Amino acid sequence: MSDSDFLKKLEFVGRYSNFNAPEGAEWEEQSTQLALGINYWLSWRSVFKMSYQTTDKEGGHGNVGKTKTEGLFLHWAIGF
């Protein structure tokens, strides 16, 4: 374990999701999402979060073709 107080407060996070709507449904789509991030705990109930997310999607609400969206997100959360 690290002796660095800064490193002890870091948390690496990730999420992968895949969604396939039923064939023939009005909202029929296929999408894949990947998110990677770092959390830094300021205290036991306060966290600063930074993450990058990318989504690949095909179809959905009458759309034809593929779309790709990317985003960088910054959050600050406090628990009560």
N, C-alpha and C. Protein backbone atom coordinates (compact mmCIF):
# COMPACT_ATOMS: atom_id res chain seq x y z
N MET A 1 0.84 -1.18 0.00
CA MET A 1 0.00 0.00 0.00
C MET A 1 0.89 1.25 0.00
N SER A 2 0.43 2.28 -0.62
CA SER A 2 1.20 3.51 -0.75
C SER A 2 1.19 4.33 0.54
N ASP A 3 2.29 5.01 0.79
CA ASP A 3 2.36 5.93 1.93
C ASP A 3 1.82 7.31 1.57
N SER A 4 1.57 7.54 0.29
CA SER A 4 1.09 8.83 -0.18
C SER A 4 -0.39 9.01 0.15
N ASP A 5 -0.72 10.08 0.86
CA ASP A 5 -2.12 10.37 1.20
C ASP A 5 -2.94 10.64 -0.06
N PHE A 6 -2.32 11.30 -1.06
CA PHE A 6 -3.00 11.59 -2.32
C PHE A 6 -3.42 10.29 -3.02
N LEU A 7 -2.50 9.33 -3.13
CA LEU A 7 -2.81 8.07 -3.83
C LEU A 7 -3.84 7.23 -3.09
N LYS A 8 -3.87 7.31 -1.78
CA LYS A 8 -4.85 6.56 -0.99
C LYS A 8 -6.27 7.04 -1.25
N LYS A 9 -6.42 8.30 -1.67
CA LYS A 9 -7.75 8.86 -1.89
C LYS A 9 -8.24 8.69 -3.33
N LEU A 10 -7.43 8.11 -4.21
CA LEU A 10 -7.82 7.88 -5.61
C LEU A 10 -8.56 6.56 -5.78
N GLU A 11 -9.51 6.56 -6.70
CA GLU A 11 -10.26 5.34 -7.03
C GLU A 11 -10.47 5.32 -8.54
N PHE A 12 -10.06 4.24 -9.19
CA PHE A 12 -10.24 4.10 -10.63
C PHE A 12 -11.52 3.32 -10.88
N VAL A 13 -12.34 3.82 -11.82
CA VAL A 13 -13.65 3.22 -12.08
C VAL A 13 -13.84 2.98 -13.58
N GLY A 14 -14.70 2.04 -13.91
CA GLY A 14 -15.02 1.76 -15.30
C GLY A 14 -16.39 1.10 -15.42
N ARG A 15 -17.00 1.26 -16.59
CA ARG A 15 -18.30 0.65 -16.84
C ARG A 15 -18.42 0.34 -18.32
N TYR A 16 -18.95 -0.83 -18.64
CA TYR A 16 -19.24 -1.23 -20.01
C TYR A 16 -20.69 -1.66 -20.06
N SER A 17 -21.42 -1.21 -21.08
CA SER A 17 -22.80 -1.66 -21.23
C SER A 17 -23.11 -1.90 -22.71
N ASN A 18 -24.03 -2.81 -22.93
CA ASN A 18 -24.47 -3.17 -24.27
C ASN A 18 -25.98 -3.30 -24.22
N PHE A 19 -26.68 -2.61 -25.13
CA PHE A 19 -28.14 -2.63 -25.14
C PHE A 19 -28.63 -2.99 -26.54
N ASN A 20 -29.49 -4.00 -26.60
CA ASN A 20 -30.14 -4.40 -27.86
C ASN A 20 -31.64 -4.43 -27.62
N ALA A 21 -32.36 -3.48 -28.20
CA ALA A 21 -33.82 -3.43 -28.06
C ALA A 21 -34.44 -4.54 -28.89
N PRO A 22 -35.66 -4.95 -28.56
CA PRO A 22 -36.33 -6.00 -29.31
C PRO A 22 -36.49 -5.61 -30.78
N GLU A 23 -36.29 -6.57 -31.65
CA GLU A 23 -36.43 -6.33 -33.09
C GLU A 23 -37.87 -5.95 -33.41
N GLY A 24 -38.03 -4.89 -34.21
CA GLY A 24 -39.34 -4.42 -34.59
C GLY A 24 -39.95 -3.41 -33.64
N ALA A 25 -39.31 -3.18 -32.51
CA ALA A 25 -39.82 -2.19 -31.55
C ALA A 25 -39.63 -0.79 -32.12
N GLU A 26 -40.49 0.14 -31.72
CA GLU A 26 -40.42 1.51 -32.22
C GLU A 26 -39.08 2.16 -31.86
N TRP A 27 -38.52 1.79 -30.73
CA TRP A 27 -37.24 2.35 -30.27
C TRP A 27 -36.07 1.41 -30.57
N GLU A 28 -36.25 0.55 -31.56
CA GLU A 28 -35.23 -0.45 -31.85
C GLU A 28 -33.86 0.19 -32.07
N GLU A 29 -32.89 -0.25 -31.30
CA GLU A 29 -31.53 0.26 -31.43
C GLU A 29 -30.55 -0.75 -30.82
N GLN A 30 -29.32 -0.59 -31.20
CA GLN A 30 -28.23 -1.37 -30.62
C GLN A 30 -27.17 -0.35 -30.20
N SER A 31 -26.77 -0.41 -28.95
CA SER A 31 -25.77 0.55 -28.49
C SER A 31 -24.77 -0.11 -27.56
N THR A 32 -23.57 0.43 -27.59
CA THR A 32 -22.49 -0.01 -26.71
C THR A 32 -21.88 1.23 -26.08
N GLN A 33 -21.66 1.16 -24.78
CA GLN A 33 -21.15 2.31 -24.05
C GLN A 33 -19.96 1.89 -23.18
N LEU A 34 -18.94 2.73 -23.15
CA LEU A 34 -17.76 2.50 -22.33
C LEU A 34 -17.43 3.79 -21.57
N ALA A 35 -17.25 3.68 -20.28
CA ALA A 35 -16.90 4.84 -19.45
C ALA A 35 -15.73 4.47 -18.55
N LEU A 36 -14.74 5.37 -18.48
CA LEU A 36 -13.57 5.20 -17.62
C LEU A 36 -13.37 6.48 -16.82
N GLY A 37 -13.00 6.34 -15.56
CA GLY A 37 -12.85 7.55 -14.76
C GLY A 37 -11.97 7.39 -13.55
N ILE A 38 -11.79 8.52 -12.89
CA ILE A 38 -11.01 8.59 -11.65
C ILE A 38 -11.84 9.37 -10.63
N ASN A 39 -11.93 8.82 -9.44
CA ASN A 39 -12.59 9.50 -8.33
C ASN A 39 -11.53 9.91 -7.32
N TYR A 40 -11.67 11.09 -6.76
CA TYR A 40 -10.77 11.54 -5.68
C TYR A 40 -11.63 11.90 -4.47
N TRP A 41 -11.44 11.17 -3.38
CA TRP A 41 -12.24 11.34 -2.19
C TRP A 41 -11.67 12.46 -1.33
N LEU A 42 -12.41 13.56 -1.23
CA LEU A 42 -12.01 14.70 -0.41
C LEU A 42 -12.22 14.39 1.07
N SER A 43 -13.29 13.65 1.37
CA SER A 43 -13.59 13.18 2.73
C SER A 43 -14.42 11.90 2.57
N TRP A 44 -14.88 11.33 3.66
CA TRP A 44 -15.66 10.10 3.58
C TRP A 44 -17.01 10.29 2.90
N ARG A 45 -17.47 11.55 2.75
CA ARG A 45 -18.77 11.79 2.12
C ARG A 45 -18.72 12.80 0.98
N SER A 46 -17.55 13.18 0.53
CA SER A 46 -17.43 14.15 -0.56
C SER A 46 -16.40 13.64 -1.57
N VAL A 47 -16.81 13.60 -2.84
CA VAL A 47 -15.95 13.02 -3.88
C VAL A 47 -15.98 13.90 -5.13
N PHE A 48 -14.82 14.04 -5.76
CA PHE A 48 -14.70 14.71 -7.04
C PHE A 48 -14.48 13.63 -8.09
N LYS A 49 -15.27 13.66 -9.17
CA LYS A 49 -15.21 12.61 -10.19
C LYS A 49 -14.90 13.20 -11.55
N MET A 50 -14.05 12.53 -12.30
CA MET A 50 -13.77 12.89 -13.68
C MET A 50 -13.85 11.61 -14.51
N SER A 51 -14.63 11.66 -15.61
CA SER A 51 -14.78 10.46 -16.43
C SER A 51 -14.90 10.82 -17.91
N TYR A 52 -14.53 9.85 -18.72
CA TYR A 52 -14.65 9.94 -20.18
C TYR A 52 -15.60 8.84 -20.62
N GLN A 53 -16.54 9.17 -21.50
CA GLN A 53 -17.54 8.20 -21.94
C GLN A 53 -17.69 8.25 -23.44
N THR A 54 -17.79 7.08 -24.06
CA THR A 54 -18.04 6.98 -25.49
C THR A 54 -19.21 6.02 -25.72
N THR A 55 -20.08 6.38 -26.66
CA THR A 55 -21.26 5.57 -26.98
C THR A 55 -21.34 5.38 -28.49
N ASP A 56 -21.44 4.13 -28.92
CA ASP A 56 -21.67 3.78 -30.32
C ASP A 56 -23.10 3.26 -30.42
N LYS A 57 -23.88 3.87 -31.33
CA LYS A 57 -25.30 3.54 -31.42
C LYS A 57 -25.72 3.36 -32.87
N GLU A 58 -26.58 2.39 -33.10
CA GLU A 58 -27.13 2.15 -34.43
C GLU A 58 -28.64 2.08 -34.32
N GLY A 59 -29.35 2.90 -35.11
CA GLY A 59 -30.81 2.94 -35.08
C GLY A 59 -31.32 3.79 -33.93
N GLY A 60 -32.59 3.57 -33.59
CA GLY A 60 -33.21 4.30 -32.49
C GLY A 60 -34.14 5.40 -32.95
N HIS A 61 -35.43 5.30 -32.62
CA HIS A 61 -36.45 6.29 -32.94
C HIS A 61 -36.46 6.65 -34.44
N GLY A 62 -36.39 5.66 -35.28
CA GLY A 62 -36.49 5.88 -36.72
C GLY A 62 -35.21 6.32 -37.39
N ASN A 63 -34.13 6.46 -36.65
CA ASN A 63 -32.86 6.85 -37.25
C ASN A 63 -32.21 5.67 -37.96
N VAL A 64 -31.58 5.95 -39.05
CA VAL A 64 -30.86 4.93 -39.80
C VAL A 64 -29.38 5.30 -39.77
N GLY A 65 -28.54 4.32 -39.59
CA GLY A 65 -27.11 4.59 -39.57
C GLY A 65 -26.54 4.54 -38.17
N LYS A 66 -25.24 4.81 -38.10
CA LYS A 66 -24.53 4.74 -36.83
C LYS A 66 -24.16 6.14 -36.34
N THR A 67 -24.18 6.29 -35.03
CA THR A 67 -23.72 7.55 -34.42
C THR A 67 -22.73 7.22 -33.32
N LYS A 68 -21.81 8.13 -33.09
CA LYS A 68 -20.84 7.98 -32.01
C LYS A 68 -20.81 9.28 -31.22
N THR A 69 -20.97 9.17 -29.91
CA THR A 69 -20.88 10.34 -29.06
C THR A 69 -19.79 10.12 -28.02
N GLU A 70 -19.12 11.21 -27.67
CA GLU A 70 -18.06 11.16 -26.68
C GLU A 70 -18.25 12.31 -25.72
N GLY A 71 -17.84 12.12 -24.47
CA GLY A 71 -17.98 13.20 -23.51
C GLY A 71 -17.00 13.08 -22.37
N LEU A 72 -16.64 14.22 -21.82
CA LEU A 72 -15.82 14.30 -20.64
C LEU A 72 -16.68 14.92 -19.54
N PHE A 73 -16.78 14.25 -18.42
CA PHE A 73 -17.68 14.68 -17.36
C PHE A 73 -16.91 14.96 -16.07
N LEU A 74 -17.27 16.06 -15.40
CA LEU A 74 -16.72 16.42 -14.11
C LEU A 74 -17.88 16.52 -13.12
N HIS A 75 -17.76 15.87 -11.98
CA HIS A 75 -18.81 15.86 -10.97
C HIS A 75 -18.20 16.11 -9.60
N TRP A 76 -18.99 16.72 -8.74
CA TRP A 76 -18.64 16.84 -7.35
C TRP A 76 -19.88 16.39 -6.58
N ALA A 77 -19.73 15.39 -5.72
CA ALA A 77 -20.86 14.83 -5.00
C ALA A 77 -20.62 14.90 -3.50
N ILE A 78 -21.70 15.22 -2.77
CA ILE A 78 -21.67 15.28 -1.32
C ILE A 78 -22.81 14.42 -0.79
N GLY A 79 -22.51 13.54 0.14
CA GLY A 79 -23.53 12.72 0.77
C GLY A 79 -23.98 13.31 2.09
N PHE A 80 -25.28 13.19 2.38
CA PHE A 80 -25.83 13.72 3.64
C PHE A 80 -26.34 12.59 4.48
